[in-house]
């Protein structure tokens, strides 16, 4: 039997938690390492690509019209094809969306909570959010907390 104490799963990490609204004040007191930032609405562009050039073409178009790129990530592969999501700041109008020619949807304004926590503490934070009626949009582990990095 392996002792699970001190495993990577037990160590603190930095998380980005996207919420539909501000968390309650009592959560700010319970989780003092939390920082809060309002995120403006964004437009997400998503498409399966057959070759990397398709993504390059979209990024060239995005930059050529002066859009602010906020995120690019690859979604889990499906049927051997890569699907990418590219997010830009603001809600784009129909003429610009036709020019870009990718499937799109609007990501509404959100609250970004950045939190350093162990998995159990993160679970407690997420539970407290849902118990107080705050909708969780997305949770992403950014990286292991600096103390955890120093130990490895």
C-alpha atoms as a PDB file:
ATOM      1  CA  UNK A   1       0.000   0.000   0.000  1.00  0.00           C
ATOM      2  CA  UNK A   2       1.295   3.472  -0.919  1.00  0.00           C
ATOM      3  CA  UNK A   3       1.033   6.346   1.523  1.00  0.00           C
ATOM      4  CA  UNK A   4      -1.047   9.043  -0.199  1.00  0.00           C
ATOM      5  CA  UNK A   5       0.095  11.834   2.145  1.00  0.00           C
ATOM      6  CA  UNK A   6       2.007  14.512   0.289  1.00  0.00           C
ATOM      7  CA  UNK A   7       1.005  13.380  -3.176  1.00  0.00           C
ATOM      8  CA  UNK A   8       0.600  15.907  -5.987  1.00  0.00           C
ATOM      9  CA  UNK A   9      -3.187  15.655  -5.585  1.00  0.00           C
ATOM     10  CA  UNK A  10      -2.903  16.960  -1.985  1.00  0.00           C
ATOM     11  CA  UNK A  11      -0.765  20.011  -2.794  1.00  0.00           C
ATOM     12  CA  UNK A  12      -1.978  23.535  -3.268  1.00  0.00           C
ATOM     13  CA  UNK A  13      -2.412  24.888  -6.757  1.00  0.00           C
ATOM     14  CA  UNK A  14      -3.514  28.118  -8.345  1.00  0.00           C
ATOM     15  CA  UNK A  15      -7.019  27.956  -9.843  1.00  0.00           C
ATOM     16  CA  UNK A  16      -9.033  30.267 -12.045  1.00  0.00           C
ATOM     17  CA  UNK A  17     -12.733  29.983 -11.257  1.00  0.00           C
ATOM     18  CA  UNK A  18     -15.133  31.796 -13.589  1.00  0.00           C
ATOM     19  CA  UNK A  19     -18.405  32.747 -11.880  1.00  0.00           C
ATOM     20  CA  UNK A  20     -21.579  34.271 -13.272  1.00  0.00           C
ATOM     21  CA  UNK A  21     -21.503  36.975 -10.559  1.00  0.00           C
ATOM     22  CA  UNK A  22     -19.500  38.182  -7.565  1.00  0.00           C
ATOM     23  CA  UNK A  23     -19.016  35.654  -4.762  1.00  0.00           C
ATOM     24  CA  UNK A  24     -20.617  36.481  -1.405  1.00  0.00           C
ATOM     25  CA  UNK A  25     -18.591  38.584   1.047  1.00  0.00           C
ATOM     26  CA  UNK A  26     -18.272  35.718   3.542  1.00  0.00           C
ATOM     27  CA  UNK A  27     -16.325  33.698   0.927  1.00  0.00           C
ATOM     28  CA  UNK A  28     -13.823  36.514   0.601  1.00  0.00           C
ATOM     29  CA  UNK A  29     -13.210  36.259   4.349  1.00  0.00           C
ATOM     30  CA  UNK A  30     -12.965  32.440   4.319  1.00  0.00           C
ATOM     31  CA  UNK A  31     -10.540  32.415   1.361  1.00  0.00           C
ATOM     32  CA  UNK A  32      -8.169  35.371   1.860  1.00  0.00           C
ATOM     33  CA  UNK A  33      -5.838  34.286  -0.961  1.00  0.00           C
ATOM     34  CA  UNK A  34      -8.646  34.950  -3.456  1.00  0.00           C
ATOM     35  CA  UNK A  35      -8.386  37.799  -5.944  1.00  0.00           C
ATOM     36  CA  UNK A  36     -11.397  38.951  -7.943  1.00  0.00           C
ATOM     37  CA  UNK A  37     -11.492  40.537 -11.382  1.00  0.00           C
ATOM     38  CA  UNK A  38     -14.433  41.351 -13.624  1.00  0.00           C
ATOM     39  CA  UNK A  39     -14.132  39.933 -17.139  1.00  0.00           C
ATOM     40  CA  UNK A  40     -15.906  41.751 -19.967  1.00  0.00           C
ATOM     41  CA  UNK A  41     -18.001  39.849 -22.476  1.00  0.00           C
ATOM     42  CA  UNK A  42     -16.059  37.927 -25.117  1.00  0.00           C
ATOM     43  CA  UNK A  43     -16.754  36.235 -28.419  1.00  0.00           C
ATOM     44  CA  UNK A  44     -15.659  32.614 -28.719  1.00  0.00           C
ATOM     45  CA  UNK A  45     -14.806  31.304 -32.178  1.00  0.00           C
ATOM     46  CA  UNK A  46     -14.710  27.518 -32.508  1.00  0.00           C
ATOM     47  CA  UNK A  47     -13.927  25.174 -35.368  1.00  0.00           C
ATOM     48  CA  UNK A  48     -12.447  21.791 -36.231  1.00  0.00           C
ATOM     49  CA  UNK A  49      -9.309  22.215 -38.272  1.00  0.00           C
ATOM     50  CA  UNK A  50      -7.845  19.824 -40.794  1.00  0.00           C
ATOM     51  CA  UNK A  51      -4.471  21.544 -40.835  1.00  0.00           C
ATOM     52  CA  UNK A  52      -2.700  24.145 -38.668  1.00  0.00           C
ATOM     53  CA  UNK A  53      -2.922  26.729 -41.459  1.00  0.00           C
ATOM     54  CA  UNK A  54      -6.674  27.129 -40.766  1.00  0.00           C
ATOM     55  CA  UNK A  55      -5.916  28.335 -37.240  1.00  0.00           C
ATOM     56  CA  UNK A  56      -3.120  30.555 -38.546  1.00  0.00           C
ATOM     57  CA  UNK A  57      -5.532  32.121 -41.057  1.00  0.00           C
ATOM     58  CA  UNK A  58      -8.052  32.936 -38.327  1.00  0.00           C
ATOM     59  CA  UNK A  59      -5.388  34.466 -36.076  1.00  0.00           C
ATOM     60  CA  UNK A  60      -4.112  36.594 -38.966  1.00  0.00           C
ATOM     61  CA  UNK A  61      -7.666  37.867 -39.568  1.00  0.00           C
ATOM     62  CA  UNK A  62      -8.171  38.546 -35.837  1.00  0.00           C
ATOM     63  CA  UNK A  63      -4.988  40.614 -35.644  1.00  0.00           C
ATOM     64  CA  UNK A  64      -5.544  42.363 -38.996  1.00  0.00           C
ATOM     65  CA  UNK A  65      -8.811  43.915 -37.793  1.00  0.00           C
ATOM     66  CA  UNK A  66      -7.365  44.899 -34.405  1.00  0.00           C
ATOM     67  CA  UNK A  67      -9.249  42.454 -32.163  1.00  0.00           C
ATOM     68  CA  UNK A  68      -7.849  41.716 -28.709  1.00  0.00           C
ATOM     69  CA  UNK A  69      -7.045  38.012 -28.366  1.00  0.00           C
ATOM     70  CA  UNK A  70      -7.865  36.738 -24.863  1.00  0.00           C
ATOM     71  CA  UNK A  71      -7.492  32.946 -25.164  1.00  0.00           C
ATOM     72  CA  UNK A  72      -6.612  30.167 -27.598  1.00  0.00           C
ATOM     73  CA  UNK A  73      -6.931  26.538 -26.664  1.00  0.00           C
ATOM     74  CA  UNK A  74      -7.361  23.160 -28.266  1.00  0.00           C
ATOM     75  CA  UNK A  75     -10.324  21.081 -27.188  1.00  0.00           C
ATOM     76  CA  UNK A  76     -10.039  17.304 -26.769  1.00  0.00           C
ATOM     77  CA  UNK A  77      -9.694  15.672 -30.221  1.00  0.00           C
ATOM     78  CA  UNK A  78     -12.770  14.187 -31.845  1.00  0.00           C
ATOM     79  CA  UNK A  79     -12.709  11.820 -34.834  1.00  0.00           C
ATOM     80  CA  UNK A  80      -9.021  12.529 -35.369  1.00  0.00           C
ATOM     81  CA  UNK A  81      -9.582  16.251 -35.923  1.00  0.00           C
ATOM     82  CA  UNK A  82      -8.445  19.042 -33.654  1.00  0.00           C
ATOM     83  CA  UNK A  83     -11.003  21.597 -32.527  1.00  0.00           C
ATOM     84  CA  UNK A  84      -9.780  25.008 -31.450  1.00  0.00           C
ATOM     85  CA  UNK A  85     -11.487  27.767 -29.532  1.00  0.00           C
ATOM     86  CA  UNK A  86     -10.239  31.310 -29.944  1.00  0.00           C
ATOM     87  CA  UNK A  87     -11.653  34.028 -27.700  1.00  0.00           C
ATOM     88  CA  UNK A  88     -11.546  37.737 -28.402  1.00  0.00           C
ATOM     89  CA  UNK A  89     -12.595  40.681 -26.253  1.00  0.00           C
ATOM     90  CA  UNK A  90     -16.077  42.070 -26.794  1.00  0.00           C
ATOM     91  CA  UNK A  91     -19.203  41.018 -28.640  1.00  0.00           C
ATOM     92  CA  UNK A  92     -18.559  41.015 -32.379  1.00  0.00           C
ATOM     93  CA  UNK A  93     -21.121  42.172 -34.926  1.00  0.00           C
ATOM     94  CA  UNK A  94     -22.485  40.080 -37.780  1.00  0.00           C
ATOM     95  CA  UNK A  95     -20.346  41.611 -40.576  1.00  0.00           C
ATOM     96  CA  UNK A  96     -17.136  40.822 -38.688  1.00  0.00           C
ATOM     97  CA  UNK A  97     -18.343  37.327 -37.771  1.00  0.00           C
ATOM     98  CA  UNK A  98     -19.111  36.626 -41.450  1.00  0.00           C
ATOM     99  CA  UNK A  99     -15.580  37.773 -42.337  1.00  0.00           C
ATOM    100  CA  UNK A 100     -14.026  35.437 -39.743  1.00  0.00           C
ATOM    101  CA  UNK A 101     -16.204  32.469 -40.878  1.00  0.00           C
ATOM    102  CA  UNK A 102     -15.938  30.355 -37.721  1.00  0.00           C
ATOM    103  CA  UNK A 103     -18.761  29.082 -35.514  1.00  0.00           C
ATOM    104  CA  UNK A 104     -19.193  31.613 -32.720  1.00  0.00           C
ATOM    105  CA  UNK A 105     -20.992  32.320 -29.481  1.00  0.00           C
ATOM    106  CA  UNK A 106     -20.942  35.087 -26.904  1.00  0.00           C
ATOM    107  CA  UNK A 107     -19.378  34.495 -23.500  1.00  0.00           C
ATOM    108  CA  UNK A 108     -21.180  36.861 -21.099  1.00  0.00           C
ATOM    109  CA  UNK A 109     -19.458  39.090 -18.556  1.00  0.00           C
ATOM    110  CA  UNK A 110     -18.062  36.961 -15.728  1.00  0.00           C
ATOM    111  CA  UNK A 111     -16.202  37.264 -12.454  1.00  0.00           C
ATOM    112  CA  UNK A 112     -12.761  35.667 -12.440  1.00  0.00           C
ATOM    113  CA  UNK A 113     -11.695  34.403  -9.031  1.00  0.00           C
ATOM    114  CA  UNK A 114      -8.032  33.423  -8.744  1.00  0.00           C
ATOM    115  CA  UNK A 115      -7.510  31.194  -5.743  1.00  0.00           C
ATOM    116  CA  UNK A 116      -4.609  29.237  -4.268  1.00  0.00           C
ATOM    117  CA  UNK A 117      -6.023  26.136  -2.606  1.00  0.00           C
ATOM    118  CA  UNK A 118      -5.563  22.452  -1.901  1.00  0.00           C
ATOM    119  CA  UNK A 119      -8.136  20.244  -3.657  1.00  0.00           C
ATOM    120  CA  UNK A 120     -10.284  19.888  -0.523  1.00  0.00           C
ATOM    121  CA  UNK A 121     -10.308  23.678  -0.036  1.00  0.00           C
ATOM    122  CA  UNK A 122     -11.185  24.217  -3.685  1.00  0.00           C
ATOM    123  CA  UNK A 123     -14.062  21.778  -3.292  1.00  0.00           C
ATOM    124  CA  UNK A 124     -15.221  23.739  -0.217  1.00  0.00           C
ATOM    125  CA  UNK A 125     -15.065  26.998  -2.172  1.00  0.00           C
ATOM    126  CA  UNK A 126     -17.036  25.551  -5.089  1.00  0.00           C
ATOM    127  CA  UNK A 127     -19.617  24.038  -2.728  1.00  0.00           C
ATOM    128  CA  UNK A 128     -20.010  27.388  -0.933  1.00  0.00           C
ATOM    129  CA  UNK A 129     -20.537  29.109  -4.303  1.00  0.00           C
ATOM    130  CA  UNK A 130     -23.263  26.707  -5.365  1.00  0.00           C
ATOM    131  CA  UNK A 131     -24.868  26.763  -1.901  1.00  0.00           C
ATOM    132  CA  UNK A 132     -25.120  30.555  -2.132  1.00  0.00           C
ATOM    133  CA  UNK A 133     -26.620  30.389  -5.638  1.00  0.00           C
ATOM    134  CA  UNK A 134     -23.543  31.544  -7.561  1.00  0.00           C
ATOM    135  CA  UNK A 135     -23.290  29.718 -10.896  1.00  0.00           C
ATOM    136  CA  UNK A 136     -19.847  28.315 -11.722  1.00  0.00           C
ATOM    137  CA  UNK A 137     -18.987  28.753 -15.388  1.00  0.00           C
ATOM    138  CA  UNK A 138     -15.544  27.155 -15.536  1.00  0.00           C
ATOM    139  CA  UNK A 139     -12.709  25.970 -13.288  1.00  0.00           C
ATOM    140  CA  UNK A 140      -9.147  25.700 -14.524  1.00  0.00           C
ATOM    141  CA  UNK A 141      -6.009  24.669 -12.672  1.00  0.00           C
ATOM    142  CA  UNK A 142      -3.368  27.189 -13.673  1.00  0.00           C
ATOM    143  CA  UNK A 143      -0.313  25.609 -12.029  1.00  0.00           C
ATOM    144  CA  UNK A 144       1.008  24.169  -8.804  1.00  0.00           C
ATOM    145  CA  UNK A 145       1.454  26.766  -6.072  1.00  0.00           C
ATOM    146  CA  UNK A 146       5.029  28.076  -5.635  1.00  0.00           C
ATOM    147  CA  UNK A 147       5.568  26.144  -2.388  1.00  0.00           C
ATOM    148  CA  UNK A 148       4.638  22.927  -4.182  1.00  0.00           C
ATOM    149  CA  UNK A 149       6.989  23.785  -7.045  1.00  0.00           C
ATOM    150  CA  UNK A 150       9.896  24.337  -4.670  1.00  0.00           C
ATOM    151  CA  UNK A 151       9.448  20.876  -3.134  1.00  0.00           C
ATOM    152  CA  UNK A 152       9.679  19.045  -6.443  1.00  0.00           C
END
